[in-house]
Amino acid sequence: MKNTVTPDFKHIGRKLLTWYGKNARDLPFRQTKDPYKIWICEIVFQQTRISQGLGHYTNFTERFPDVKTLAEADENEVLLYWKGLGYYSRAINVHKAAQQIMNDYDGIFPDEYEEILKLKGVGKYTAAAVSSICFNGKIPAVDGNFYRVLSRVFADDFDVSSSKAFNYFSDLAHLILPDNVGDFNQAMMDLGSEVCKPKNPLCGECPLNQDCIAFLTNKIYNFPVKTKKVKAEGLELKYYFVHRNGEFLIQQRKEDFIWKKLFEFPPQISDELLPFIKSVKTVHHKLTHKNLSIEIYNVEVDSEEAWNNFIAENDYMISDYESSHQKSFPKPLENYIGNYHTAYRIL
C-alpha cells in the first residue's frame, strides 16, 4: 500500500519564528499595523534595498500620511516625492490605488486578500504581505527571498524564472507555514536578505541549516535554479536641451512607454533652431530590460523670435534650474541639468 502521509515540516517555520523573535531588524514600518504604511513600504522596497529606501519611505509617508492625503494629492507631487526610487510607474499606480480606495472602499483599506489584490499595481506578493501583517491573513508573501530559501532548504531545482514558480513555491511554503504568517513572511524577508544571501550566504548563522538539504549536501550554490536572463535590448533616444537666458524647455511624457509621466527635453527641434546647436553629448543608461544610448544636443538660442516661435508651435513648458527641482526627470536628464548648471552657471 502506497504511503500518502505528508512529512511534517512545520518545525522549520517554528524555528524561523524563534530566530526572528531574537533577530528581527528594527525597521520603522514594523512599529505599525497600519495597512496603508505597510502597503507603501512593500511598494517602495520591491526594487530598492531597505538601507537605500528608508529615507524615501519616511519622506513619502510624512508628506502623504494616509490614503486620503495621497488620493487628493497632485500626481506630479507624488512623482516628485518618489524621486530617487525609480520605476515611476509604481508611484502612478500607488496614487491611482489610493483614489480607488477612496472611491470603492469609502476610504477604508480593504482587509481581504482578494480585495487588496484588486488595487492598482498590487500583485500577489504585496497583497499577501499586507493581508498577513495587518489582518492575520494566511498567505505566504512569496518573493525572491522565498525562492532562494525554499529551493535551498528542499534542494529543489524548480526553475525560479518559470511563470509557474510563484504557485509552486507558494505550495512549498505552505509545508512549513506556522500560525503567525505575518511574522513568518517578515522572517523570510530578513533571512533571505541578511543570511541566506545570493552570494556568500552565512550558513553558519542560519537557524535552518540543520534542515537545509543544500547545506547538508554542500550544494548551496546550486540553488536556486534560474535560466539565463534575456539580454537587455538597446534603445537609442535623442533630446534637445533648448535654452535661453537661464530658461529651458520641457514637456511631460505620456504613460505608454518608459519613464511614464516624467518630464523631458524636446525630442526634436524645428529647422529654425538648427543653427543654434552648440554641442552634443551621448549618455548611456541602463534600465531593467533596456540599455539606453541618449544623445542630448545643447541648443543655445540667442534669438528671441526663434525661441518664441518654437514654443508657440509646440506648446512646450518653460523651466529653470530652481523650478526643475519641483519636477521629476529621468535620471540622465536630471544629471544633465545639474552638470550644465555647474559647468556654465547660466541656469
Protein backbone atom coordinates (compact mmCIF):
# COMPACT_ATOMS: atom_id res chain seq x y z
CA MET A 1 0.00 0.00 0.00
CA LYS A 2 1.36 3.43 -1.00
CA ASN A 3 2.28 5.76 1.85
CA THR A 4 0.28 9.01 1.45
CA VAL A 5 1.35 10.65 4.69
CA THR A 6 2.86 14.12 4.12
CA PRO A 7 6.04 14.68 6.14
CA ASP A 8 5.69 17.30 8.88
CA PHE A 9 7.86 20.31 8.05
CA LYS A 10 6.09 22.78 10.34
CA HIS A 11 9.00 22.70 12.76
CA ILE A 12 11.02 24.63 10.13
CA GLY A 13 8.57 27.51 10.22
CA ARG A 14 8.56 27.49 14.02
CA LYS A 15 12.38 27.58 14.11
CA LEU A 16 12.30 30.58 11.79
CA LEU A 17 9.84 32.42 14.05
CA THR A 18 12.03 31.79 17.10
CA TRP A 19 15.02 33.18 15.23
CA TYR A 20 13.00 36.18 14.05
CA GLY A 21 11.88 36.95 17.59
CA LYS A 22 15.53 37.45 18.56
CA ASN A 23 16.97 38.86 15.34
CA ALA A 24 14.25 40.91 13.63
CA ARG A 25 15.56 44.12 12.13
CA ASP A 26 14.35 47.27 13.88
CA LEU A 27 12.61 48.98 10.97
CA PRO A 28 10.16 51.90 11.30
CA PHE A 29 7.37 50.22 9.37
CA ARG A 30 7.47 47.29 11.80
CA GLN A 31 6.21 49.56 14.56
CA THR A 32 2.78 49.74 12.92
CA LYS A 33 -0.04 47.55 11.66
CA ASP A 34 -1.45 50.39 9.56
CA PRO A 35 -2.19 48.71 6.19
CA TYR A 36 -1.52 51.97 4.35
CA LYS A 37 2.02 52.23 5.76
CA ILE A 38 2.70 48.52 5.19
CA TRP A 39 1.43 48.81 1.60
CA ILE A 40 3.65 51.81 0.87
CA CYS A 41 6.72 50.14 2.37
CA GLU A 42 6.15 46.98 0.33
CA ILE A 43 5.88 49.01 -2.90
CA VAL A 44 8.92 51.16 -2.06
CA PHE A 45 11.14 48.19 -1.25
CA GLN A 46 10.15 46.00 -4.18
CA GLN A 47 13.06 47.28 -6.26
CA THR A 48 15.05 49.12 -3.58
CA ARG A 49 17.30 47.94 -0.78
CA ILE A 50 16.00 48.83 2.65
CA SER A 51 19.17 50.76 3.51
CA GLN A 52 18.71 52.89 0.40
CA GLY A 53 14.95 53.30 0.59
CA LEU A 54 14.26 54.08 4.25
CA GLY A 55 14.71 57.83 3.81
CA HIS A 56 12.42 57.83 0.78
CA TYR A 57 9.79 55.81 2.65
CA THR A 58 9.92 58.22 5.60
CA ASN A 59 9.67 61.33 3.42
CA PHE A 60 6.81 59.88 1.39
CA THR A 61 4.72 58.79 4.37
CA GLU A 62 5.35 62.06 6.21
CA ARG A 63 4.05 64.03 3.23
CA PHE A 64 1.24 61.54 2.49
CA PRO A 65 0.43 60.04 5.92
CA ASP A 66 -2.81 58.34 4.89
CA VAL A 67 -4.87 57.19 1.93
CA LYS A 68 -6.96 60.37 1.78
CA THR A 69 -3.95 62.69 1.64
CA LEU A 70 -2.35 60.63 -1.09
CA ALA A 71 -5.55 60.32 -3.12
CA GLU A 72 -6.12 64.08 -3.07
CA ALA A 73 -2.52 64.98 -3.99
CA ASP A 74 -1.48 66.17 -7.43
CA GLU A 75 0.11 63.39 -9.46
CA ASN A 76 3.23 65.45 -10.19
CA GLU A 77 3.81 65.98 -6.48
CA VAL A 78 3.51 62.25 -5.88
CA LEU A 79 6.11 61.69 -8.60
CA LEU A 80 8.33 64.34 -7.01
CA TYR A 81 8.26 62.56 -3.63
CA TRP A 82 9.05 59.29 -5.42
CA LYS A 83 12.18 60.90 -6.88
CA GLY A 84 15.27 58.74 -6.47
CA LEU A 85 13.39 55.44 -6.23
CA GLY A 86 13.00 54.89 -9.97
CA TYR A 87 10.31 52.70 -11.53
CA TYR A 88 7.97 55.69 -11.53
CA SER A 89 5.03 53.63 -12.76
CA ARG A 90 4.86 52.35 -9.17
CA ALA A 91 4.22 55.89 -7.93
CA ILE A 92 1.49 56.42 -10.53
CA ASN A 93 -0.14 53.14 -9.52
CA VAL A 94 0.07 53.95 -5.81
CA HIS A 95 -1.68 57.27 -6.47
CA LYS A 96 -4.42 55.61 -8.51
CA ALA A 97 -4.85 52.86 -5.92
CA ALA A 98 -5.33 55.45 -3.17
CA GLN A 99 -8.09 57.06 -5.24
CA GLN A 100 -9.53 53.59 -5.79
CA ILE A 101 -9.67 53.01 -2.02
CA MET A 102 -11.42 56.34 -1.51
CA ASN A 103 -13.96 55.68 -4.27
CA ASP A 104 -14.59 51.93 -3.96
CA TYR A 105 -13.95 51.27 -0.26
CA ASP A 106 -15.11 54.54 1.35
CA GLY A 107 -11.52 55.39 2.23
CA ILE A 108 -11.03 52.23 4.32
CA PHE A 109 -8.16 49.97 3.30
CA PRO A 110 -9.62 46.57 2.29
CA ASP A 111 -8.85 43.76 4.72
CA GLU A 112 -9.33 40.73 2.47
CA TYR A 113 -6.54 39.37 0.29
CA GLU A 114 -8.71 39.20 -2.85
CA GLU A 115 -9.85 42.80 -2.39
CA ILE A 116 -6.32 44.08 -1.77
CA LEU A 117 -5.29 42.31 -4.96
CA LYS A 118 -7.79 44.44 -6.91
CA LEU A 119 -5.87 47.64 -6.13
CA LYS A 120 -3.94 49.19 -8.99
CA GLY A 121 -0.35 47.94 -9.11
CA VAL A 122 -0.78 45.43 -6.28
CA GLY A 123 0.40 41.91 -7.04
CA LYS A 124 0.10 38.64 -5.16
CA TYR A 125 3.22 39.26 -3.05
CA THR A 126 2.16 42.71 -1.83
CA ALA A 127 -1.43 41.60 -1.20
CA ALA A 128 -0.19 38.62 0.83
CA ALA A 129 2.22 40.80 2.83
CA VAL A 130 -0.41 43.41 3.75
CA SER A 131 -3.05 40.75 4.44
CA SER A 132 -0.80 38.67 6.69
CA ILE A 133 0.90 41.51 8.59
CA CYS A 134 -2.17 43.68 9.15
CA PHE A 135 -5.16 41.32 9.05
CA ASN A 136 -3.79 37.92 10.10
CA GLY A 137 -4.13 36.53 6.58
CA LYS A 138 -2.73 33.05 5.99
CA ILE A 139 -1.00 33.50 2.64
CA PRO A 140 2.80 33.38 2.22
CA ALA A 141 4.26 36.52 0.62
CA VAL A 142 6.36 34.70 -1.94
CA ASP A 143 9.19 36.70 -3.49
CA GLY A 144 12.84 36.21 -4.37
CA ASN A 145 13.74 35.53 -0.75
CA PHE A 146 11.20 32.69 -0.60
CA TYR A 147 12.51 31.23 -3.84
CA ARG A 148 16.08 31.23 -2.58
CA VAL A 149 15.43 29.95 0.95
CA LEU A 150 12.95 27.25 -0.03
CA SER A 151 14.92 25.99 -3.02
CA ARG A 152 17.96 25.60 -0.77
CA VAL A 153 16.14 24.08 2.21
CA PHE A 154 14.49 21.46 0.00
CA ALA A 155 17.31 21.32 -2.61
CA ASP A 156 14.55 21.91 -5.13
CA ASP A 157 15.64 22.56 -8.70
CA PHE A 158 12.37 24.08 -9.90
CA ASP A 159 13.26 26.98 -12.21
CA VAL A 160 12.52 30.21 -10.31
CA SER A 161 12.24 32.13 -13.59
CA SER A 162 9.33 29.95 -14.68
CA SER A 163 5.87 31.52 -14.91
CA LYS A 164 4.69 28.75 -12.58
CA ALA A 165 7.30 29.49 -9.90
CA PHE A 166 5.03 31.66 -7.74
CA ASN A 167 2.38 28.97 -7.35
CA TYR A 168 4.95 26.20 -6.99
CA PHE A 169 6.86 27.91 -4.16
CA SER A 170 3.61 29.05 -2.54
CA ASP A 171 2.67 25.38 -2.20
CA LEU A 172 6.15 24.63 -0.86
CA ALA A 173 5.89 27.46 1.66
CA HIS A 174 2.61 26.06 2.98
CA LEU A 175 4.51 22.93 4.08
CA ILE A 176 6.44 24.97 6.66
CA LEU A 177 3.87 27.73 7.34
CA PRO A 178 3.30 28.38 11.08
CA ASP A 179 0.19 30.03 12.56
CA ASN A 180 1.69 33.53 12.69
CA VAL A 181 2.02 34.10 8.95
CA GLY A 182 2.65 37.84 9.23
CA ASP A 183 5.83 37.35 11.27
CA PHE A 184 6.77 34.35 9.15
CA ASN A 185 6.66 36.46 5.96
CA GLN A 186 8.83 39.14 7.56
CA ALA A 187 11.18 36.48 8.93
CA MET A 188 11.67 35.09 5.43
CA MET A 189 12.44 38.60 4.21
CA ASP A 190 15.10 39.07 6.90
CA LEU A 191 16.57 35.61 6.48
CA GLY A 192 16.84 35.96 2.72
CA SER A 193 18.38 39.42 2.78
CA GLU A 194 20.66 39.08 5.81
CA VAL A 195 21.64 35.39 6.00
CA CYS A 196 20.58 33.25 3.03
CA LYS A 197 22.05 35.72 0.57
CA PRO A 198 22.55 35.01 -3.15
CA LYS A 199 26.32 35.26 -2.74
CA ASN A 200 28.33 34.44 0.37
CA PRO A 201 25.40 33.17 2.46
CA LEU A 202 26.04 32.99 6.19
CA CYS A 203 25.07 29.34 6.55
CA GLY A 204 26.74 29.02 9.94
CA GLU A 205 24.34 31.63 11.34
CA CYS A 206 21.24 30.24 9.69
CA PRO A 207 18.57 28.83 12.02
CA LEU A 208 17.56 26.36 9.32
CA ASN A 209 20.99 24.94 8.49
CA GLN A 210 20.24 21.54 10.04
CA ASP A 211 17.10 21.27 7.92
CA CYS A 212 18.67 22.65 4.74
CA ILE A 213 19.43 19.84 2.29
CA ALA A 214 21.57 22.07 0.09
CA PHE A 215 23.75 22.98 3.09
CA LEU A 216 23.97 19.43 4.40
CA THR A 217 24.99 18.12 0.95
CA ASN A 218 27.37 21.03 0.28
CA LYS A 219 25.34 22.20 -2.75
CA ILE A 220 24.25 25.61 -1.52
CA TYR A 221 25.44 27.38 -4.69
CA ASN A 222 23.45 25.01 -6.91
CA PHE A 223 20.25 26.72 -5.78
CA PRO A 224 18.08 28.45 -6.73
CA VAL A 225 17.99 27.26 -10.33
CA LYS A 226 17.32 30.05 -12.79
CA THR A 227 17.50 30.11 -16.56
CA LYS A 228 19.73 32.72 -18.14
CA LYS A 229 18.30 36.22 -18.23
CA VAL A 230 17.06 37.62 -21.50
CA LYS A 231 19.63 40.07 -22.81
CA ALA A 232 18.55 43.69 -22.47
CA GLU A 233 17.81 45.29 -25.81
CA GLY A 234 19.41 48.52 -26.95
CA LEU A 235 17.35 51.67 -27.36
CA GLU A 236 18.51 54.99 -28.84
CA LEU A 237 16.92 58.27 -27.76
CA LYS A 238 17.54 61.84 -28.84
CA TYR A 239 16.85 65.05 -26.89
CA TYR A 240 17.42 68.75 -27.45
CA PHE A 241 18.27 70.89 -24.45
CA VAL A 242 16.80 74.15 -25.79
CA HIS A 243 17.69 77.06 -23.51
CA ARG A 244 17.86 80.84 -23.44
CA ASN A 245 18.73 83.32 -20.65
CA GLY A 246 18.66 80.69 -17.92
CA GLU A 247 15.42 79.06 -19.04
CA PHE A 248 14.94 75.77 -20.88
CA LEU A 249 12.05 73.90 -22.47
CA ILE A 250 10.42 70.71 -21.22
CA GLN A 251 7.34 68.58 -21.69
CA GLN A 252 5.70 65.74 -19.76
CA ARG A 253 5.91 62.20 -21.04
CA LYS A 254 2.82 60.07 -21.55
CA GLU A 255 2.08 56.68 -19.96
CA ASP A 256 2.70 54.45 -22.98
CA PHE A 257 6.45 53.82 -22.66
CA ILE A 258 9.41 54.12 -20.30
CA TRP A 259 9.63 56.95 -17.75
CA LYS A 260 5.86 57.32 -17.56
CA LYS A 261 4.69 60.85 -16.71
CA LEU A 262 8.21 62.17 -16.05
CA PHE A 263 9.43 65.40 -17.64
CA GLU A 264 11.83 65.50 -20.57
CA PHE A 265 13.53 67.83 -23.05
CA PRO A 266 12.09 68.26 -26.56
CA PRO A 267 12.75 65.14 -28.68
CA GLN A 268 13.03 67.21 -31.86
CA ILE A 269 13.51 70.84 -32.97
CA SER A 270 12.50 72.99 -35.91
CA ASP A 271 14.84 73.84 -38.78
CA GLU A 272 14.91 77.39 -37.44
CA LEU A 273 16.78 76.18 -34.33
CA LEU A 274 19.38 74.03 -36.09
CA PRO A 275 21.95 76.87 -36.30
CA PHE A 276 21.87 77.22 -32.50
CA ILE A 277 23.16 73.71 -31.78
CA LYS A 278 26.45 74.13 -29.89
CA SER A 279 27.40 70.57 -28.98
CA VAL A 280 26.10 67.05 -28.45
CA LYS A 281 26.71 64.61 -25.60
CA THR A 282 25.98 60.87 -25.58
CA VAL A 283 24.82 59.39 -22.27
CA HIS A 284 24.42 55.67 -21.52
CA HIS A 285 21.84 54.46 -19.02
CA LYS A 286 20.58 51.01 -18.02
CA LEU A 287 17.01 50.06 -17.27
CA THR A 288 15.85 46.57 -16.29
CA HIS A 289 15.29 45.36 -19.86
CA LYS A 290 16.86 48.13 -21.92
CA ASN A 291 20.27 49.65 -22.47
CA LEU A 292 19.75 53.27 -23.43
CA SER A 293 22.02 55.39 -25.58
CA ILE A 294 20.85 59.01 -25.29
CA GLU A 295 22.08 61.86 -27.49
CA ILE A 296 21.49 65.26 -25.86
CA TYR A 297 22.03 68.31 -28.06
CA ASN A 298 22.89 71.62 -26.42
CA VAL A 299 20.77 74.24 -28.23
CA GLU A 300 21.64 77.76 -27.03
CA VAL A 301 19.09 80.09 -28.64
CA ASP A 302 20.14 83.73 -28.88
CA SER A 303 17.14 84.77 -30.99
CA GLU A 304 14.04 85.75 -29.05
CA GLU A 305 11.92 85.36 -32.18
CA ALA A 306 13.13 81.81 -32.84
CA TRP A 307 12.63 80.94 -29.16
CA ASN A 308 9.05 82.25 -29.10
CA ASN A 309 8.21 80.62 -32.44
CA PHE A 310 9.38 77.22 -31.27
CA ILE A 311 7.39 77.44 -28.01
CA ALA A 312 4.23 78.58 -29.80
CA GLU A 313 4.45 75.81 -32.38
CA ASN A 314 4.99 73.01 -29.85
CA ASP A 315 3.40 74.18 -26.60
CA TYR A 316 6.49 73.36 -24.51
CA MET A 317 6.73 74.42 -20.86
CA ILE A 318 9.44 76.82 -19.71
CA SER A 319 11.53 75.82 -16.73
CA ASP A 320 14.71 76.98 -15.00
CA TYR A 321 17.20 75.31 -12.69
CA GLU A 322 15.35 76.13 -9.47
CA SER A 323 11.87 75.16 -10.68
CA SER A 324 13.23 71.93 -12.19
CA HIS A 325 13.66 70.64 -8.62
CA GLN A 326 9.87 70.60 -8.31
CA LYS A 327 9.51 68.15 -11.19
CA SER A 328 10.66 64.59 -11.77
CA PHE A 329 13.02 63.95 -14.68
CA PRO A 330 14.61 60.68 -15.81
CA LYS A 331 17.97 60.39 -14.07
CA PRO A 332 20.11 61.04 -17.18
CA LEU A 333 18.23 64.29 -17.88
CA GLU A 334 18.31 65.35 -14.25
CA ASN A 335 22.07 64.80 -14.23
CA TYR A 336 22.42 66.81 -17.45
CA ILE A 337 20.61 69.78 -15.92
CA GLY A 338 22.80 69.63 -12.81
CA ASN A 339 26.04 69.26 -14.74
CA TYR A 340 25.15 72.06 -17.11
CA HIS A 341 24.32 74.37 -14.23
CA THR A 342 27.59 73.54 -12.51
CA ALA A 343 29.70 73.96 -15.68
CA TYR A 344 28.16 77.12 -17.11
CA ARG A 345 26.33 78.77 -14.21
CA ILE A 346 23.64 80.05 -16.55
CA LEU A 347 20.58 78.18 -15.32
